Amino acid sequence: MAEYASNTASKKLIQIDVSSDTVCPWCFVGKKNLDKAIDASKDEYNFEIRWRPFFLDASAPKEGVSKKEFYRKKFGSRCEGLFTRMSETFKGLGLEYDTSGLTGNTLDSHRLIHYTGKHAPDKQHSLVEELCLGYFTQGKFIGEREFLVETAKKLGIEGAEEFLTDPNNGVTEVQEEMEKYSRNITGVPHYTINGKVKLSGAQPPETFQSAFKAVSA
């Protein structure tokens, strides 16, 4: 899982557990800010990032529904304002926020993230990046098996297609991780750093850097 680890054994290890959902835009914004903080701190620390499941809406339909219609129904008159805010936030990251396509249940994406964390841990962080890019900027459906398999193949995650074929694979493990890491969380993203410092929300890079210093003091 030490995606950012270097060969310098003398560096202190920063372990970060991230609870998130793959349809949470602020989780992706938070990831981008975390990446900036890690890049600015990589000469001081080794990093191990582990992604944990959270469901913003566990009852979301598995077959997928129009993203725009789903959020209009959920947020009502606030919907357009939220879309505008996210578009501006994503532009600040050099990305285009795409409101097209479908949204729906995220269980299969969490199954894939869990599988990758177990069988190809060095690729889990990159997998989350690719899934979010697809969903938030390319109109991909997070619940589509083909999208998940293509993403896994792109990163060379072996065995992912076979694993996802059986809808029961990984379900128990995802539920166990939910219970262990996200039981008392009311919103995401949520970060636990070295088991000591807890942060919520899409924090700026500077806040993460301060947390790194706090846990390594």
N, C-alpha and C. Protein backbone atom coordinates (compact mmCIF):
# COMPACT_ATOMS: atom_id res chain seq x y z
N MET A 1 0.80 -1.20 0.00
CA MET A 1 0.00 0.00 0.00
C MET A 1 0.84 1.26 0.00
N ALA A 2 2.15 1.08 0.10
CA ALA A 2 3.01 2.26 0.23
C ALA A 2 3.27 2.88 -1.13
N GLU A 3 2.22 3.45 -1.66
CA GLU A 3 2.29 4.05 -2.99
C GLU A 3 3.38 5.10 -3.08
N TYR A 4 3.54 5.85 -2.03
CA TYR A 4 4.47 6.97 -2.06
C TYR A 4 5.76 6.68 -1.30
N ALA A 5 5.98 5.46 -0.93
CA ALA A 5 7.18 5.15 -0.15
C ALA A 5 8.44 5.25 -0.99
N SER A 6 9.51 5.71 -0.38
CA SER A 6 10.80 5.76 -1.07
C SER A 6 11.70 4.71 -0.43
N ASN A 7 12.94 4.66 -0.88
CA ASN A 7 13.87 3.69 -0.33
C ASN A 7 14.59 4.20 0.90
N THR A 8 14.24 5.39 1.34
CA THR A 8 14.91 5.99 2.48
C THR A 8 14.25 5.48 3.76
N ALA A 9 14.91 4.50 4.39
CA ALA A 9 14.32 3.85 5.55
C ALA A 9 14.23 4.77 6.75
N SER A 10 15.03 5.83 6.76
CA SER A 10 15.06 6.71 7.92
C SER A 10 13.86 7.65 7.98
N LYS A 11 13.13 7.75 6.92
CA LYS A 11 11.96 8.63 6.91
C LYS A 11 10.85 8.04 7.78
N LYS A 12 10.12 8.90 8.44
CA LYS A 12 8.99 8.45 9.24
C LYS A 12 7.83 8.08 8.32
N LEU A 13 7.07 7.07 8.74
CA LEU A 13 5.95 6.59 7.94
C LEU A 13 4.66 7.28 8.35
N ILE A 14 3.95 7.80 7.37
CA ILE A 14 2.63 8.40 7.58
C ILE A 14 1.60 7.47 6.96
N GLN A 15 0.74 6.89 7.79
CA GLN A 15 -0.32 6.01 7.31
C GLN A 15 -1.64 6.77 7.34
N ILE A 16 -2.32 6.76 6.22
CA ILE A 16 -3.57 7.51 6.10
C ILE A 16 -4.70 6.59 5.67
N ASP A 17 -5.72 6.48 6.51
CA ASP A 17 -6.94 5.77 6.15
C ASP A 17 -7.96 6.79 5.69
N VAL A 18 -8.44 6.63 4.47
CA VAL A 18 -9.39 7.57 3.89
C VAL A 18 -10.74 6.89 3.71
N SER A 19 -11.74 7.36 4.41
CA SER A 19 -13.11 6.88 4.18
C SER A 19 -13.74 7.79 3.13
N SER A 20 -14.28 7.20 2.09
CA SER A 20 -14.84 8.01 1.00
C SER A 20 -15.85 7.20 0.20
N ASP A 21 -16.60 7.91 -0.62
CA ASP A 21 -17.49 7.26 -1.57
C ASP A 21 -17.10 7.73 -2.96
N THR A 22 -17.22 6.85 -3.94
CA THR A 22 -16.77 7.16 -5.29
C THR A 22 -17.68 8.11 -6.05
N VAL A 23 -18.82 8.48 -5.47
CA VAL A 23 -19.68 9.48 -6.11
C VAL A 23 -19.68 10.79 -5.31
N CYS A 24 -18.74 10.93 -4.39
CA CYS A 24 -18.63 12.14 -3.58
C CYS A 24 -17.60 13.07 -4.19
N PRO A 25 -18.03 14.17 -4.81
CA PRO A 25 -17.06 15.06 -5.46
C PRO A 25 -16.04 15.65 -4.50
N TRP A 26 -16.46 15.93 -3.28
CA TRP A 26 -15.52 16.51 -2.31
C TRP A 26 -14.46 15.49 -1.90
N CYS A 27 -14.78 14.21 -2.02
CA CYS A 27 -13.77 13.19 -1.76
C CYS A 27 -12.65 13.26 -2.81
N PHE A 28 -13.05 13.52 -4.05
CA PHE A 28 -12.05 13.64 -5.12
C PHE A 28 -11.24 14.92 -4.94
N VAL A 29 -11.91 16.01 -4.59
CA VAL A 29 -11.20 17.27 -4.33
C VAL A 29 -10.22 17.07 -3.18
N GLY A 30 -10.68 16.39 -2.13
CA GLY A 30 -9.80 16.11 -1.01
C GLY A 30 -8.61 15.28 -1.39
N LYS A 31 -8.82 14.30 -2.28
CA LYS A 31 -7.72 13.46 -2.74
C LYS A 31 -6.68 14.29 -3.48
N LYS A 32 -7.14 15.19 -4.34
CA LYS A 32 -6.21 16.02 -5.09
C LYS A 32 -5.39 16.91 -4.15
N ASN A 33 -6.04 17.43 -3.11
CA ASN A 33 -5.33 18.26 -2.14
C ASN A 33 -4.36 17.43 -1.31
N LEU A 34 -4.78 16.22 -0.96
CA LEU A 34 -3.90 15.31 -0.23
C LEU A 34 -2.68 14.97 -1.08
N ASP A 35 -2.88 14.74 -2.36
CA ASP A 35 -1.75 14.44 -3.25
C ASP A 35 -0.76 15.59 -3.29
N LYS A 36 -1.26 16.82 -3.30
CA LYS A 36 -0.38 17.98 -3.30
C LYS A 36 0.44 18.03 -2.01
N ALA A 37 -0.22 17.76 -0.89
CA ALA A 37 0.46 17.77 0.40
C ALA A 37 1.53 16.68 0.47
N ILE A 38 1.21 15.52 -0.08
CA ILE A 38 2.16 14.41 -0.08
C ILE A 38 3.36 14.74 -0.98
N ASP A 39 3.08 15.31 -2.13
CA ASP A 39 4.16 15.66 -3.05
C ASP A 39 5.11 16.69 -2.42
N ALA A 40 4.54 17.62 -1.64
CA ALA A 40 5.36 18.64 -0.99
C ALA A 40 6.12 18.10 0.21
N SER A 41 5.72 16.92 0.69
CA SER A 41 6.31 16.37 1.92
C SER A 41 7.08 15.07 1.69
N LYS A 42 7.20 14.64 0.46
CA LYS A 42 7.77 13.32 0.19
C LYS A 42 9.25 13.20 0.55
N ASP A 43 9.94 14.34 0.68
CA ASP A 43 11.34 14.27 1.10
C ASP A 43 11.48 14.04 2.60
N GLU A 44 10.39 14.24 3.33
CA GLU A 44 10.41 14.08 4.79
C GLU A 44 9.80 12.76 5.27
N TYR A 45 8.82 12.26 4.53
CA TYR A 45 8.08 11.09 5.00
C TYR A 45 7.86 10.06 3.90
N ASN A 46 7.63 8.83 4.33
CA ASN A 46 7.05 7.81 3.46
C ASN A 46 5.56 7.77 3.75
N PHE A 47 4.77 7.44 2.74
CA PHE A 47 3.31 7.46 2.90
C PHE A 47 2.69 6.13 2.52
N GLU A 48 1.67 5.76 3.28
CA GLU A 48 0.86 4.58 2.98
C GLU A 48 -0.60 5.00 3.06
N ILE A 49 -1.28 5.00 1.91
CA ILE A 49 -2.67 5.45 1.87
C ILE A 49 -3.57 4.24 1.65
N ARG A 50 -4.60 4.14 2.48
CA ARG A 50 -5.54 3.01 2.39
C ARG A 50 -6.96 3.57 2.28
N TRP A 51 -7.64 3.16 1.24
CA TRP A 51 -9.00 3.66 0.98
C TRP A 51 -10.05 2.75 1.57
N ARG A 52 -10.96 3.34 2.35
CA ARG A 52 -12.00 2.60 3.04
C ARG A 52 -13.38 3.01 2.53
N PRO A 53 -14.35 2.08 2.52
CA PRO A 53 -15.66 2.36 1.93
C PRO A 53 -16.58 3.19 2.82
N PHE A 54 -17.41 3.96 2.14
CA PHE A 54 -18.50 4.71 2.77
C PHE A 54 -19.59 4.83 1.72
N PHE A 55 -20.85 4.80 2.15
CA PHE A 55 -21.96 4.92 1.21
C PHE A 55 -22.77 6.16 1.52
N LEU A 56 -22.74 7.12 0.61
CA LEU A 56 -23.59 8.30 0.78
C LEU A 56 -25.05 7.93 0.68
N ASP A 57 -25.34 6.94 -0.15
CA ASP A 57 -26.72 6.47 -0.31
C ASP A 57 -26.69 4.98 -0.64
N ALA A 58 -26.73 4.17 0.40
CA ALA A 58 -26.65 2.72 0.20
C ALA A 58 -27.84 2.17 -0.56
N SER A 59 -28.94 2.94 -0.61
CA SER A 59 -30.14 2.49 -1.30
C SER A 59 -30.20 2.98 -2.75
N ALA A 60 -29.15 3.64 -3.21
CA ALA A 60 -29.13 4.13 -4.60
C ALA A 60 -29.31 2.95 -5.55
N PRO A 61 -30.06 3.15 -6.64
CA PRO A 61 -30.36 2.05 -7.55
C PRO A 61 -29.13 1.48 -8.23
N LYS A 62 -29.08 0.18 -8.31
CA LYS A 62 -27.94 -0.50 -8.92
C LYS A 62 -27.92 -0.32 -10.43
N GLU A 63 -29.09 -0.18 -11.04
CA GLU A 63 -29.16 -0.09 -12.51
C GLU A 63 -28.75 1.28 -13.04
N GLY A 64 -28.71 2.29 -12.17
CA GLY A 64 -28.27 3.61 -12.60
C GLY A 64 -29.42 4.49 -13.05
N VAL A 65 -29.34 5.77 -12.68
CA VAL A 65 -30.33 6.75 -13.07
C VAL A 65 -29.61 8.02 -13.51
N SER A 66 -30.31 8.86 -14.23
CA SER A 66 -29.73 10.11 -14.71
C SER A 66 -29.12 10.90 -13.54
N LYS A 67 -27.86 11.27 -13.69
CA LYS A 67 -27.17 12.01 -12.64
C LYS A 67 -27.88 13.33 -12.33
N LYS A 68 -28.26 14.04 -13.38
CA LYS A 68 -28.92 15.34 -13.18
C LYS A 68 -30.26 15.17 -12.48
N GLU A 69 -31.04 14.19 -12.92
CA GLU A 69 -32.35 13.98 -12.32
C GLU A 69 -32.24 13.51 -10.87
N PHE A 70 -31.26 12.66 -10.61
CA PHE A 70 -31.07 12.14 -9.26
C PHE A 70 -30.75 13.27 -8.29
N TYR A 71 -29.86 14.17 -8.69
CA TYR A 71 -29.47 15.26 -7.79
C TYR A 71 -30.52 16.36 -7.71
N ARG A 72 -31.29 16.52 -8.78
CA ARG A 72 -32.40 17.48 -8.70
C ARG A 72 -33.44 17.00 -7.71
N LYS A 73 -33.69 15.70 -7.72
CA LYS A 73 -34.66 15.13 -6.79
C LYS A 73 -34.13 15.20 -5.36
N LYS A 74 -32.84 15.03 -5.19
CA LYS A 74 -32.24 15.01 -3.86
C LYS A 74 -32.08 16.40 -3.27
N PHE A 75 -31.67 17.37 -4.10
CA PHE A 75 -31.34 18.70 -3.59
C PHE A 75 -32.33 19.79 -4.00
N GLY A 76 -33.25 19.47 -4.89
CA GLY A 76 -34.27 20.43 -5.28
C GLY A 76 -33.69 21.69 -5.91
N SER A 77 -34.15 22.84 -5.45
CA SER A 77 -33.76 24.12 -6.03
C SER A 77 -32.28 24.44 -5.83
N ARG A 78 -31.63 23.74 -4.91
CA ARG A 78 -30.21 23.99 -4.65
C ARG A 78 -29.30 23.30 -5.67
N CYS A 79 -29.88 22.43 -6.48
CA CYS A 79 -29.09 21.58 -7.35
C CYS A 79 -28.18 22.36 -8.30
N GLU A 80 -28.75 23.32 -9.02
CA GLU A 80 -27.96 24.06 -10.00
C GLU A 80 -26.83 24.83 -9.34
N GLY A 81 -27.10 25.40 -8.18
CA GLY A 81 -26.06 26.11 -7.45
C GLY A 81 -24.92 25.19 -7.04
N LEU A 82 -25.27 23.98 -6.64
CA LEU A 82 -24.26 23.00 -6.26
C LEU A 82 -23.42 22.58 -7.46
N PHE A 83 -24.09 22.39 -8.61
CA PHE A 83 -23.36 22.04 -9.83
C PHE A 83 -22.39 23.16 -10.21
N THR A 84 -22.86 24.40 -10.08
CA THR A 84 -22.00 25.55 -10.42
C THR A 84 -20.79 25.61 -9.50
N ARG A 85 -21.02 25.38 -8.22
CA ARG A 85 -19.92 25.42 -7.26
C ARG A 85 -18.91 24.32 -7.55
N MET A 86 -19.40 23.12 -7.85
CA MET A 86 -18.48 22.03 -8.15
C MET A 86 -17.70 22.30 -9.43
N SER A 87 -18.36 22.88 -10.42
CA SER A 87 -17.67 23.21 -11.67
C SER A 87 -16.53 24.17 -11.42
N GLU A 88 -16.78 25.17 -10.59
CA GLU A 88 -15.74 26.15 -10.27
C GLU A 88 -14.60 25.51 -9.49
N THR A 89 -14.96 24.62 -8.55
CA THR A 89 -13.95 23.94 -7.74
C THR A 89 -13.08 23.05 -8.61
N PHE A 90 -13.70 22.31 -9.53
CA PHE A 90 -12.94 21.42 -10.40
C PHE A 90 -12.06 22.21 -11.37
N LYS A 91 -12.54 23.35 -11.83
CA LYS A 91 -11.70 24.19 -12.70
C LYS A 91 -10.43 24.62 -11.98
N GLY A 92 -10.57 24.84 -10.68
CA GLY A 92 -9.40 25.19 -9.88
C GLY A 92 -8.37 24.06 -9.82
N LEU A 93 -8.82 22.86 -10.10
CA LEU A 93 -7.93 21.70 -10.13
C LEU A 93 -7.49 21.37 -11.56
N GLY A 94 -7.93 22.19 -12.51
CA GLY A 94 -7.60 21.94 -13.90
C GLY A 94 -8.46 20.88 -14.54
N LEU A 95 -9.68 20.68 -14.00
CA LEU A 95 -10.58 19.64 -14.50
C LEU A 95 -11.94 20.22 -14.85
N GLU A 96 -12.66 19.52 -15.72
CA GLU A 96 -14.01 19.91 -16.09
C GLU A 96 -15.01 18.99 -15.40
N TYR A 97 -15.89 19.54 -14.61
CA TYR A 97 -16.89 18.76 -13.90
C TYR A 97 -18.02 18.40 -14.86
N ASP A 98 -18.28 17.11 -15.02
CA ASP A 98 -19.25 16.62 -16.00
C ASP A 98 -20.50 16.11 -15.28
N THR A 99 -21.64 16.72 -15.56
CA THR A 99 -22.89 16.32 -14.91
C THR A 99 -23.70 15.36 -15.78
N SER A 100 -23.12 14.89 -16.88
CA SER A 100 -23.84 13.96 -17.75
C SER A 100 -23.71 12.54 -17.22
N GLY A 101 -24.43 11.63 -17.85
CA GLY A 101 -24.31 10.22 -17.51
C GLY A 101 -25.20 9.80 -16.35
N LEU A 102 -24.88 8.64 -15.82
CA LEU A 102 -25.70 8.02 -14.77
C LEU A 102 -24.97 8.01 -13.43
N THR A 103 -25.76 7.93 -12.38
CA THR A 103 -25.23 7.68 -11.05
C THR A 103 -26.01 6.52 -10.45
N GLY A 104 -25.54 6.02 -9.33
CA GLY A 104 -26.23 4.89 -8.73
C GLY A 104 -25.42 4.26 -7.62
N ASN A 105 -25.72 3.01 -7.33
CA ASN A 105 -25.09 2.31 -6.22
C ASN A 105 -23.58 2.14 -6.45
N THR A 106 -22.80 2.32 -5.39
CA THR A 106 -21.34 2.29 -5.52
C THR A 106 -20.70 1.03 -4.95
N LEU A 107 -21.51 0.04 -4.60
CA LEU A 107 -20.96 -1.17 -3.98
C LEU A 107 -19.89 -1.83 -4.84
N ASP A 108 -20.15 -1.98 -6.14
CA ASP A 108 -19.18 -2.67 -6.98
C ASP A 108 -17.84 -1.92 -7.03
N SER A 109 -17.89 -0.61 -7.02
CA SER A 109 -16.63 0.15 -7.03
C SER A 109 -15.87 -0.07 -5.72
N HIS A 110 -16.59 -0.15 -4.61
CA HIS A 110 -15.92 -0.41 -3.33
C HIS A 110 -15.38 -1.85 -3.27
N ARG A 111 -16.08 -2.77 -3.90
CA ARG A 111 -15.58 -4.14 -3.99
C ARG A 111 -14.25 -4.16 -4.73
N LEU A 112 -14.19 -3.42 -5.83
CA LEU A 112 -12.97 -3.36 -6.63
C LEU A 112 -11.83 -2.68 -5.87
N ILE A 113 -12.15 -1.60 -5.17
CA ILE A 113 -11.13 -0.90 -4.38
C ILE A 113 -10.59 -1.82 -3.29
N HIS A 114 -11.48 -2.54 -2.63
CA HIS A 114 -11.05 -3.49 -1.59
C HIS A 114 -10.16 -4.58 -2.20
N TYR A 115 -10.60 -5.15 -3.31
CA TYR A 115 -9.83 -6.20 -3.98
C TYR A 115 -8.42 -5.70 -4.31
N THR A 116 -8.36 -4.49 -4.84
CA THR A 116 -7.06 -3.92 -5.24
C THR A 116 -6.18 -3.69 -4.02
N GLY A 117 -6.78 -3.21 -2.93
CA GLY A 117 -6.02 -3.00 -1.71
C GLY A 117 -5.40 -4.28 -1.17
N LYS A 118 -6.04 -5.41 -1.46
CA LYS A 118 -5.56 -6.70 -0.98
C LYS A 118 -4.58 -7.35 -1.95
N HIS A 119 -4.85 -7.25 -3.25
CA HIS A 119 -4.06 -7.98 -4.24
C HIS A 119 -3.06 -7.12 -5.03
N ALA A 120 -3.29 -5.82 -5.07
CA ALA A 120 -2.37 -4.92 -5.76
C ALA A 120 -2.33 -3.59 -5.01
N PRO A 121 -1.92 -3.62 -3.73
CA PRO A 121 -2.02 -2.45 -2.86
C PRO A 121 -1.32 -1.20 -3.38
N ASP A 122 -0.26 -1.40 -4.15
CA ASP A 122 0.46 -0.24 -4.70
C ASP A 122 -0.34 0.46 -5.78
N LYS A 123 -1.45 -0.14 -6.22
CA LYS A 123 -2.26 0.45 -7.29
C LYS A 123 -3.61 0.98 -6.79
N GLN A 124 -3.89 0.83 -5.50
CA GLN A 124 -5.21 1.22 -4.99
C GLN A 124 -5.43 2.73 -5.11
N HIS A 125 -4.43 3.52 -4.76
CA HIS A 125 -4.55 4.97 -4.81
C HIS A 125 -4.79 5.44 -6.25
N SER A 126 -4.07 4.85 -7.18
CA SER A 126 -4.24 5.19 -8.60
C SER A 126 -5.60 4.76 -9.11
N LEU A 127 -6.11 3.64 -8.60
CA LEU A 127 -7.43 3.17 -9.00
C LEU A 127 -8.50 4.18 -8.60
N VAL A 128 -8.44 4.67 -7.38
CA VAL A 128 -9.41 5.66 -6.92
C VAL A 128 -9.35 6.90 -7.82
N GLU A 129 -8.15 7.32 -8.19
CA GLU A 129 -7.98 8.47 -9.08
C GLU A 129 -8.70 8.23 -10.41
N GLU A 130 -8.47 7.07 -11.01
CA GLU A 130 -9.05 6.77 -12.33
C GLU A 130 -10.56 6.63 -12.26
N LEU A 131 -11.07 6.02 -11.21
CA LEU A 131 -12.52 5.89 -11.06
C LEU A 131 -13.17 7.26 -10.93
N CYS A 132 -12.56 8.13 -10.16
CA CYS A 132 -13.11 9.47 -9.97
C CYS A 132 -13.03 10.30 -11.24
N LEU A 133 -11.92 10.20 -11.93
CA LEU A 133 -11.79 10.93 -13.21
C LEU A 133 -12.89 10.49 -14.17
N GLY A 134 -13.12 9.19 -14.24
CA GLY A 134 -14.15 8.67 -15.13
C GLY A 134 -15.53 9.17 -14.76
N TYR A 135 -15.86 9.07 -13.49
CA TYR A 135 -17.21 9.44 -13.05
C TYR A 135 -17.43 10.94 -13.07
N PHE A 136 -16.49 11.70 -12.57
CA PHE A 136 -16.70 13.15 -12.40
C PHE A 136 -16.36 13.98 -13.63
N THR A 137 -15.52 13.48 -14.52
CA THR A 137 -15.09 14.32 -15.65
C THR A 137 -15.38 13.72 -17.02
N GLN A 138 -15.82 12.44 -17.06
CA GLN A 138 -16.03 11.79 -18.36
C GLN A 138 -17.42 11.18 -18.52
N GLY A 139 -18.29 11.40 -17.55
CA GLY A 139 -19.65 10.90 -17.65
C GLY A 139 -19.77 9.40 -17.55
N LYS A 140 -18.78 8.72 -16.97
CA LYS A 140 -18.84 7.27 -16.81
C LYS A 140 -19.76 6.90 -15.65
N PHE A 141 -20.39 5.75 -15.74
CA PHE A 141 -21.29 5.27 -14.69
C PHE A 141 -20.50 4.41 -13.72
N ILE A 142 -20.44 4.82 -12.46
CA ILE A 142 -19.63 4.15 -11.45
C ILE A 142 -20.09 2.72 -11.18
N GLY A 143 -21.33 2.41 -11.52
CA GLY A 143 -21.84 1.07 -11.28
C GLY A 143 -21.74 0.14 -12.49
N GLU A 144 -21.17 0.62 -13.58
CA GLU A 144 -21.07 -0.20 -14.79
C GLU A 144 -19.88 -1.15 -14.71
N ARG A 145 -20.13 -2.42 -14.82
CA ARG A 145 -19.08 -3.42 -14.71
C ARG A 145 -17.97 -3.20 -15.74
N GLU A 146 -18.38 -2.85 -16.96
CA GLU A 146 -17.40 -2.66 -18.02
C GLU A 146 -16.42 -1.53 -17.69
N PHE A 147 -16.94 -0.43 -17.15
CA PHE A 147 -16.08 0.69 -16.76
C PHE A 147 -15.10 0.27 -15.67
N LEU A 148 -15.58 -0.45 -14.68
CA LEU A 148 -14.73 -0.89 -13.58
C LEU A 148 -13.65 -1.84 -14.08
N VAL A 149 -14.03 -2.78 -14.94
CA VAL A 149 -13.06 -3.74 -15.47
C VAL A 149 -12.02 -3.04 -16.35
N GLU A 150 -12.48 -2.13 -17.20
CA GLU A 150 -11.55 -1.40 -18.07
C GLU A 150 -10.54 -0.60 -17.25
N THR A 151 -11.02 0.00 -16.17
CA THR A 151 -10.13 0.79 -15.31
C THR A 151 -9.10 -0.11 -14.65
N ALA A 152 -9.54 -1.26 -14.18
CA ALA A 152 -8.62 -2.21 -13.55
C ALA A 152 -7.58 -2.70 -14.55
N LYS A 153 -8.01 -2.99 -15.77
CA LYS A 153 -7.08 -3.47 -16.80
C LYS A 153 -6.08 -2.38 -17.16
N LYS A 154 -6.54 -1.15 -17.21
CA LYS A 154 -5.66 -0.02 -17.54
C LYS A 154 -4.50 0.07 -16.56
N LEU A 155 -4.77 -0.27 -15.30
CA LEU A 155 -3.74 -0.19 -14.26
C LEU A 155 -3.02 -1.52 -14.03
N GLY A 156 -3.40 -2.53 -14.80
CA GLY A 156 -2.75 -3.83 -14.66
C GLY A 156 -3.10 -4.56 -13.39
N ILE A 157 -4.34 -4.41 -12.93
CA ILE A 157 -4.80 -5.10 -11.72
C ILE A 157 -5.34 -6.47 -12.13
N GLU A 158 -4.54 -7.48 -11.95
CA GLU A 158 -4.88 -8.82 -12.42
C GLU A 158 -5.97 -9.46 -11.55
N GLY A 159 -6.85 -10.19 -12.22
CA GLY A 159 -7.89 -10.93 -11.54
C GLY A 159 -9.13 -10.13 -11.19
N ALA A 160 -9.12 -8.84 -11.49
CA ALA A 160 -10.25 -7.97 -11.10
C ALA A 160 -11.53 -8.35 -11.84
N GLU A 161 -11.42 -8.68 -13.13
CA GLU A 161 -12.62 -9.01 -13.90
C GLU A 161 -13.28 -10.26 -13.35
N GLU A 162 -12.50 -11.28 -13.05
CA GLU A 162 -13.04 -12.51 -12.52
C GLU A 162 -13.67 -12.26 -11.14
N PHE A 163 -13.02 -11.45 -10.34
CA PHE A 163 -13.52 -11.12 -9.01
C PHE A 163 -14.88 -10.43 -9.08
N LEU A 164 -15.02 -9.48 -9.98
CA LEU A 164 -16.25 -8.70 -10.08
C LEU A 164 -17.41 -9.50 -10.69
N THR A 165 -17.08 -10.55 -11.43
CA THR A 165 -18.12 -11.35 -12.09
C THR A 165 -19.10 -11.94 -11.10
N ASP A 166 -18.60 -12.36 -9.95
CA ASP A 166 -19.47 -12.89 -8.89
C ASP A 166 -19.88 -11.73 -8.00
N PRO A 167 -21.17 -11.35 -8.00
CA PRO A 167 -21.62 -10.18 -7.23
C PRO A 167 -21.47 -10.34 -5.72
N ASN A 168 -21.19 -11.55 -5.26
CA ASN A 168 -21.03 -11.78 -3.83
C ASN A 168 -19.60 -11.59 -3.35
N ASN A 169 -18.65 -11.63 -4.28
CA ASN A 169 -17.24 -11.48 -3.90
C ASN A 169 -16.99 -10.11 -3.27
N GLY A 170 -16.40 -10.11 -2.10
CA GLY A 170 -15.99 -8.86 -1.48
C GLY A 170 -17.06 -8.12 -0.70
N VAL A 171 -18.32 -8.54 -0.81
CA VAL A 171 -19.40 -7.82 -0.13
C VAL A 171 -19.21 -7.85 1.38
N THR A 172 -18.94 -9.02 1.91
CA THR A 172 -18.73 -9.14 3.36
C THR A 172 -17.55 -8.31 3.81
N GLU A 173 -16.48 -8.33 3.04
CA GLU A 173 -15.27 -7.58 3.40
C GLU A 173 -15.53 -6.07 3.38
N VAL A 174 -16.28 -5.61 2.40
CA VAL A 174 -16.62 -4.18 2.34
C VAL A 174 -17.45 -3.79 3.55
N GLN A 175 -18.40 -4.63 3.90
CA GLN A 175 -19.24 -4.35 5.07
C GLN A 175 -18.41 -4.33 6.36
N GLU A 176 -17.44 -5.23 6.45
CA GLU A 176 -16.57 -5.28 7.62
C GLU A 176 -15.71 -4.03 7.72
N GLU A 177 -15.21 -3.56 6.58
CA GLU A 177 -14.41 -2.33 6.57
C GLU A 177 -15.26 -1.12 6.94
N MET A 178 -16.49 -1.12 6.44
CA MET A 178 -17.42 -0.06 6.81
C MET A 178 -17.60 0.00 8.32
N GLU A 179 -17.81 -1.14 8.92
CA GLU A 179 -18.03 -1.22 10.35
C GLU A 179 -16.78 -0.78 11.13
N LYS A 180 -15.63 -1.17 10.65
CA LYS A 180 -14.39 -0.89 11.37
C LYS A 180 -13.92 0.55 11.21
N TYR A 181 -14.03 1.10 10.00
CA TYR A 181 -13.41 2.40 9.74
C TYR A 181 -14.40 3.55 9.58
N SER A 182 -15.65 3.26 9.28
CA SER A 182 -16.58 4.34 8.94
C SER A 182 -17.85 4.35 9.78
N ARG A 183 -17.90 3.51 10.79
CA ARG A 183 -19.13 3.35 11.58
C ARG A 183 -19.58 4.67 12.22
N ASN A 184 -18.65 5.43 12.76
CA ASN A 184 -19.01 6.65 13.49
C ASN A 184 -18.84 7.92 12.66
N ILE A 185 -18.71 7.74 11.36
CA ILE A 185 -18.53 8.89 10.47
C ILE A 185 -19.88 9.30 9.89
N THR A 186 -20.15 10.60 9.88
CA THR A 186 -21.42 11.08 9.33
C THR A 186 -21.26 11.70 7.95
N GLY A 187 -20.03 11.95 7.54
CA GLY A 187 -19.79 12.53 6.23
C GLY A 187 -18.39 12.23 5.74
N VAL A 188 -18.18 12.34 4.45
CA VAL A 188 -16.87 12.09 3.85
C VAL A 188 -16.50 13.24 2.92
N PRO A 189 -15.18 13.36 2.65
CA PRO A 189 -14.08 12.49 3.03
C PRO A 189 -13.71 12.62 4.51
N HIS A 190 -13.16 11.53 5.03
CA HIS A 190 -12.70 11.51 6.41
C HIS A 190 -11.34 10.82 6.44
N TYR A 191 -10.39 11.45 7.13
CA TYR A 191 -9.02 10.94 7.15
C TYR A 191 -8.58 10.65 8.57
N THR A 192 -7.96 9.49 8.76
CA THR A 192 -7.32 9.16 10.03
C THR A 192 -5.83 8.98 9.74
N ILE A 193 -5.02 9.83 10.36
CA ILE A 193 -3.59 9.86 10.06
C ILE A 193 -2.80 9.29 11.23
N ASN A 194 -2.10 8.19 10.95
CA ASN A 194 -1.33 7.46 11.96
C ASN A 194 -2.17 7.10 13.18
N GLY A 195 -3.47 6.92 12.95
CA GLY A 195 -4.37 6.52 14.03
C GLY A 195 -4.58 7.58 15.08
N LYS A 196 -4.05 8.79 14.85
CA LYS A 196 -4.11 9.83 15.87
C LYS A 196 -4.96 11.04 15.45
N VAL A 197 -4.57 11.66 14.37
CA VAL A 197 -5.24 12.87 13.91
C VAL A 197 -6.36 12.52 12.94
N LYS A 198 -7.52 13.08 13.17
CA LYS A 198 -8.67 12.86 12.29
C LYS A 198 -9.08 14.17 11.65
N LEU A 199 -9.29 14.13 10.35
CA LEU A 199 -9.71 15.30 9.59
C LEU A 199 -10.94 14.95 8.76
N SER A 200 -11.83 15.92 8.60
CA SER A 200 -13.01 15.72 7.78
C SER A 200 -13.10 16.80 6.73
N GLY A 201 -13.64 16.44 5.58
CA GLY A 201 -13.85 17.42 4.51
C GLY A 201 -12.65 17.53 3.59
N ALA A 202 -12.85 18.26 2.50
CA ALA A 202 -11.80 18.45 1.50
C ALA A 202 -10.82 19.51 1.98
N GLN A 203 -9.97 19.12 2.89
CA GLN A 203 -9.03 20.06 3.51
C GLN A 203 -8.00 20.56 2.49
N PRO A 204 -7.48 21.77 2.68
CA PRO A 204 -6.42 22.27 1.81
C PRO A 204 -5.11 21.55 2.09
N PRO A 205 -4.18 21.57 1.15
CA PRO A 205 -2.91 20.85 1.34
C PRO A 205 -2.19 21.23 2.63
N GLU A 206 -2.26 22.50 3.01
CA GLU A 206 -1.54 22.97 4.20
C GLU A 206 -2.03 22.28 5.47
N THR A 207 -3.32 21.99 5.52
CA THR A 207 -3.87 21.32 6.70
C THR A 207 -3.33 19.90 6.81
N PHE A 208 -3.23 19.22 5.68
CA PHE A 208 -2.64 17.87 5.69
C PHE A 208 -1.17 17.93 6.12
N GLN A 209 -0.44 18.90 5.62
CA GLN A 209 0.97 19.02 5.97
C GLN A 209 1.15 19.26 7.47
N SER A 210 0.28 20.08 8.04
CA SER A 210 0.33 20.32 9.49
C SER A 210 0.06 19.04 10.26
N ALA A 211 -0.88 18.25 9.74
CA ALA A 211 -1.22 16.97 10.40
C ALA A 211 -0.04 16.00 10.32
N PHE A 212 0.67 15.99 9.20
CA PHE A 212 1.85 15.12 9.06
C PHE A 212 2.88 15.46 10.15
N LYS A 213 3.10 16.75 10.34
CA LYS A 213 4.06 17.19 11.36
C LYS A 213 3.59 16.81 12.76
N ALA A 214 2.28 16.95 13.00
CA ALA A 214 1.74 16.66 14.32
C ALA A 214 1.90 15.20 14.71
N VAL A 215 1.68 14.30 13.77
CA VAL A 215 1.75 12.87 14.10
C VAL A 215 3.18 12.34 14.11
N SER A 216 4.10 13.09 13.56
CA SER A 216 5.49 12.64 13.50
C SER A 216 6.37 13.31 14.54
N ALA A 217 5.78 14.22 15.31
CA ALA A 217 6.56 14.96 16.31
C ALA A 217 7.03 14.03 17.43
